[in-house]
Amino acid sequence: MIGYINTKKYRFLILCELLKKCLRGLFVSLFKIRGFCKIIAIGRNVTILGKKKDLIVDSRVKIEDGVFLQTVSQNGIHLGNNVTICQGAQIRPSGFYGGNLGCGLQIGDNSSIGANSYIGCSGKIVIGNYVMIGPHCTMIAENHNFSKTDIPMQKQGVVNKGIKIKDDVWIGANVTILDGVTIETGCVLAAGAVVTKSTEPNGIYAGVPARRIKERV
């Protein structure tokens, strides 16, 4: 038997939930996080770890339920205008238990990070304007050295080249982007792609490893 949703009731419930997030964002802005008056909505169980001065927020920023955002880094975290961090996303520039201090993250205007995505910005990650990042995406701006077989890889250090994503990019669900990659303007990365090399503008990339399959027309 098929159950039908009362669309009016559904819209009312969504509106109530959005109102709760906006009120919670107002509370955080006024009482808990000095200088965050431009966050318009913040969800439940949001964790912001690190110094408040290292989180720079422009305007109309939305942070959904369960987001983990660590500001401990060389350059901090900068969220541009109208940025959305969706439910369960994690932004981690530095390790919890020592190691190198990571570089951090910069997100341009009108961009979003999808639900349950992981942004490992130990090397600097720069995301441009109008970038759509789907759910369960992973960006790792770090590589472990492993050339010596007589020393544990854990003790051989890391290399951080960073990741750059330019404007007007669509990143599908479950995409992985590795260190040293630049995603050029206008690209589409198909769901499940593993991007190991930089792209060309306006290309559509798919596969493991990702390859250009055609051009946007």
Protein backbone atom coordinates (compact mmCIF):
# COMPACT_ATOMS: atom_id res chain seq x y z
CA MET A 1 0.00 0.00 0.00
CA ILE A 2 1.35 3.40 -0.97
CA GLY A 3 1.38 6.14 1.66
CA TYR A 4 0.92 9.73 0.57
CA ILE A 5 2.47 12.76 2.23
CA ASN A 6 0.36 15.73 3.11
CA THR A 7 2.39 18.36 1.23
CA LYS A 8 1.00 21.28 3.24
CA LYS A 9 1.94 19.58 6.51
CA TYR A 10 5.36 18.65 5.10
CA ARG A 11 6.07 22.25 4.07
CA PHE A 12 4.93 23.49 7.47
CA LEU A 13 7.31 21.06 9.23
CA ILE A 14 10.22 22.18 7.02
CA LEU A 15 9.38 25.82 7.69
CA CYS A 16 9.37 25.13 11.46
CA GLU A 17 12.74 23.39 11.25
CA LEU A 18 14.24 26.27 9.27
CA LEU A 19 12.88 28.71 11.84
CA LYS A 20 14.53 26.71 14.64
CA LYS A 21 17.88 26.82 12.83
CA CYS A 22 17.58 30.57 12.24
CA LEU A 23 16.74 31.20 15.90
CA ARG A 24 19.62 28.98 16.98
CA GLY A 25 21.92 30.88 14.61
CA LEU A 26 20.73 34.17 16.12
CA PHE A 27 21.40 32.85 19.63
CA VAL A 28 24.91 31.73 18.69
CA SER A 29 25.59 35.05 17.00
CA LEU A 30 24.51 37.16 19.96
CA PHE A 31 25.66 35.11 22.92
CA LYS A 32 28.19 32.43 22.08
CA ILE A 33 30.41 33.30 19.12
CA ARG A 34 31.51 36.88 19.01
CA GLY A 35 31.60 38.35 15.51
CA PHE A 36 29.43 35.64 13.94
CA CYS A 37 26.42 37.90 13.48
CA LYS A 38 26.27 36.95 9.80
CA ILE A 39 25.50 33.27 10.42
CA ILE A 40 21.79 33.06 9.66
CA ALA A 41 21.18 29.41 10.55
CA ILE A 42 23.01 26.84 12.63
CA GLY A 43 21.85 23.30 13.32
CA ARG A 44 22.03 21.04 16.35
CA ASN A 45 25.21 19.36 17.59
CA VAL A 46 27.54 21.64 15.63
CA THR A 47 31.12 21.50 16.93
CA ILE A 48 33.52 24.37 16.27
CA LEU A 49 36.96 23.47 17.64
CA GLY A 50 39.70 26.09 17.91
CA LYS A 51 40.07 29.82 18.27
CA LYS A 52 37.09 31.90 17.22
CA LYS A 53 39.33 34.47 15.51
CA ASP A 54 40.46 31.77 13.07
CA LEU A 55 36.94 31.35 11.69
CA ILE A 56 36.10 34.23 9.33
CA VAL A 57 32.48 34.38 8.24
CA ASP A 58 31.03 36.72 5.63
CA SER A 59 27.23 36.88 5.37
CA ARG A 60 24.24 34.52 5.08
CA VAL A 61 26.22 31.43 6.13
CA LYS A 62 24.28 28.27 6.99
CA ILE A 63 25.75 25.42 9.06
CA GLU A 64 23.53 22.34 9.34
CA ASP A 65 23.19 19.64 12.03
CA GLY A 66 26.21 17.63 13.15
CA VAL A 67 28.88 19.65 11.34
CA PHE A 68 32.42 19.40 12.77
CA LEU A 69 34.53 22.44 11.94
CA GLN A 70 38.10 22.75 13.22
CA THR A 71 39.73 26.18 12.96
CA VAL A 72 43.19 25.15 14.26
CA SER A 73 45.39 25.97 11.25
CA GLN A 74 47.93 28.38 9.80
CA ASN A 75 45.44 30.42 7.78
CA GLY A 76 42.14 29.63 9.51
CA ILE A 77 38.79 28.91 7.87
CA HIS A 78 37.10 31.54 5.70
CA LEU A 79 33.48 31.06 4.63
CA GLY A 80 32.25 33.49 1.98
CA ASN A 81 28.80 34.94 1.35
CA ASN A 82 25.85 32.55 1.19
CA VAL A 83 27.92 29.45 1.95
CA THR A 84 26.16 26.27 3.14
CA ILE A 85 27.88 23.50 5.09
CA CYS A 86 25.47 20.57 4.94
CA GLN A 87 24.64 18.04 7.62
CA GLY A 88 27.46 15.91 9.02
CA ALA A 89 30.29 17.51 7.02
CA GLN A 90 33.76 17.61 8.59
CA ILE A 91 36.44 20.23 8.01
CA ARG A 92 39.79 19.24 9.56
CA PRO A 93 43.02 21.10 8.80
CA SER A 94 45.13 19.69 11.64
CA GLY A 95 45.45 16.47 13.62
CA PHE A 96 44.15 16.24 17.16
CA TYR A 97 47.25 14.70 18.69
CA GLY A 98 50.25 16.71 17.49
CA GLY A 99 51.85 16.69 14.05
CA ASN A 100 52.03 19.53 11.58
CA LEU A 101 49.73 22.52 11.77
CA GLY A 102 47.52 22.44 8.67
CA CYS A 103 46.99 25.33 6.26
CA GLY A 104 43.18 25.72 6.27
CA LEU A 105 40.24 26.35 3.96
CA GLN A 106 38.83 29.24 1.94
CA ILE A 107 35.37 29.00 0.34
CA GLY A 108 34.05 31.62 -2.07
CA ASP A 109 30.55 33.01 -2.43
CA ASN A 110 27.43 30.92 -3.12
CA SER A 111 29.21 27.59 -2.66
CA SER A 112 28.23 24.54 -0.63
CA ILE A 113 29.75 21.43 0.92
CA GLY A 114 27.52 18.37 0.71
CA ALA A 115 26.26 16.22 3.56
CA ASN A 116 28.81 13.93 5.25
CA SER A 117 31.69 15.24 3.17
CA TYR A 118 35.25 15.30 4.54
CA ILE A 119 37.55 18.25 3.83
CA GLY A 120 41.09 17.45 4.96
CA CYS A 121 42.73 20.82 4.47
CA SER A 122 46.18 20.22 5.96
CA GLY A 123 47.41 21.62 2.66
CA LYS A 124 45.46 24.74 1.75
CA ILE A 125 42.15 24.12 -0.01
CA VAL A 126 40.66 27.02 -1.96
CA ILE A 127 37.10 26.64 -3.29
CA GLY A 128 35.80 29.33 -5.64
CA ASN A 129 32.38 30.87 -6.24
CA TYR A 130 29.25 28.92 -7.25
CA VAL A 131 30.79 25.53 -6.48
CA MET A 132 28.35 22.68 -5.76
CA ILE A 133 29.82 19.77 -3.80
CA GLY A 134 27.61 16.70 -3.47
CA PRO A 135 27.25 14.38 -0.47
CA HIS A 136 30.00 12.06 0.81
CA CYS A 137 32.79 13.83 -1.07
CA THR A 138 36.40 13.68 0.15
CA MET A 139 39.25 16.13 -0.35
CA ILE A 140 42.67 15.21 1.03
CA ALA A 141 45.34 17.90 0.63
CA GLU A 142 48.15 15.72 1.94
CA ASN A 143 50.31 12.80 0.89
CA HIS A 144 52.44 10.56 3.09
CA ASN A 145 56.03 9.90 2.02
CA PHE A 146 56.71 6.19 1.62
CA SER A 147 59.89 5.76 -0.47
CA LYS A 148 62.03 4.31 2.36
CA THR A 149 61.27 0.72 3.28
CA ASP A 150 63.45 0.69 6.41
CA ILE A 151 61.46 3.49 8.11
CA PRO A 152 57.75 3.27 8.98
CA MET A 153 55.71 5.38 6.61
CA GLN A 154 54.20 7.12 9.60
CA LYS A 155 57.66 8.58 10.38
CA GLN A 156 58.58 9.69 6.86
CA GLY A 157 56.60 12.91 6.95
CA VAL A 158 54.06 14.34 4.55
CA VAL A 159 53.81 16.60 1.50
CA ASN A 160 51.09 19.25 1.24
CA LYS A 161 50.59 20.78 -2.21
CA GLY A 162 47.01 21.88 -1.65
CA ILE A 163 43.83 21.68 -3.73
CA LYS A 164 42.23 24.45 -5.77
CA ILE A 165 38.68 24.37 -7.14
CA LYS A 166 37.85 27.30 -9.39
CA ASP A 167 34.45 28.90 -10.07
CA ASP A 168 31.27 27.26 -11.39
CA VAL A 169 32.18 23.63 -10.67
CA TRP A 170 29.77 20.77 -9.95
CA ILE A 171 31.20 17.88 -7.92
CA GLY A 172 28.92 14.84 -7.80
CA ALA A 173 28.34 12.47 -4.89
CA ASN A 174 31.19 10.33 -3.54
CA VAL A 175 33.92 12.13 -5.48
CA THR A 176 37.48 12.01 -4.11
CA ILE A 177 39.98 14.77 -4.92
CA LEU A 178 43.63 14.19 -4.02
CA ASP A 179 46.46 16.55 -3.12
CA GLY A 180 48.00 18.78 -5.78
CA VAL A 181 44.89 18.86 -7.99
CA THR A 182 43.37 21.99 -9.56
CA ILE A 183 39.79 21.74 -10.84
CA GLU A 184 39.43 24.38 -13.54
CA THR A 185 36.44 26.66 -14.11
CA GLY A 186 33.24 25.08 -15.39
CA CYS A 187 34.11 21.43 -14.76
CA VAL A 188 31.71 18.64 -13.84
CA LEU A 189 33.02 15.68 -11.84
CA ALA A 190 30.76 12.64 -12.17
CA ALA A 191 29.63 10.72 -9.10
CA GLY A 192 32.28 8.36 -7.75
CA ALA A 193 35.19 9.87 -9.66
CA VAL A 194 38.67 9.80 -8.10
CA VAL A 195 40.56 12.87 -9.31
CA THR A 196 44.33 12.44 -9.20
CA LYS A 197 45.37 15.02 -11.82
CA SER A 198 44.39 18.61 -12.61
CA THR A 199 41.61 19.18 -15.13
CA GLU A 200 41.02 21.42 -18.14
CA PRO A 201 38.26 24.07 -18.16
CA ASN A 202 34.64 23.08 -18.92
CA GLY A 203 35.36 19.36 -19.01
CA ILE A 204 33.23 16.49 -17.75
CA TYR A 205 35.34 13.96 -15.86
CA ALA A 206 34.44 10.46 -14.72
CA GLY A 207 36.04 7.21 -13.59
CA VAL A 208 38.83 5.87 -11.39
CA PRO A 209 41.15 7.56 -11.99
CA ALA A 210 39.04 10.37 -13.46
CA ARG A 211 39.40 11.10 -17.17
CA ARG A 212 37.85 13.74 -19.42
CA ILE A 213 34.97 12.07 -21.24
CA LYS A 214 33.54 15.12 -23.01
CA GLU A 215 33.19 18.88 -22.91
CA ARG A 216 30.28 20.93 -21.66
CA VAL A 217 28.33 22.29 -24.63
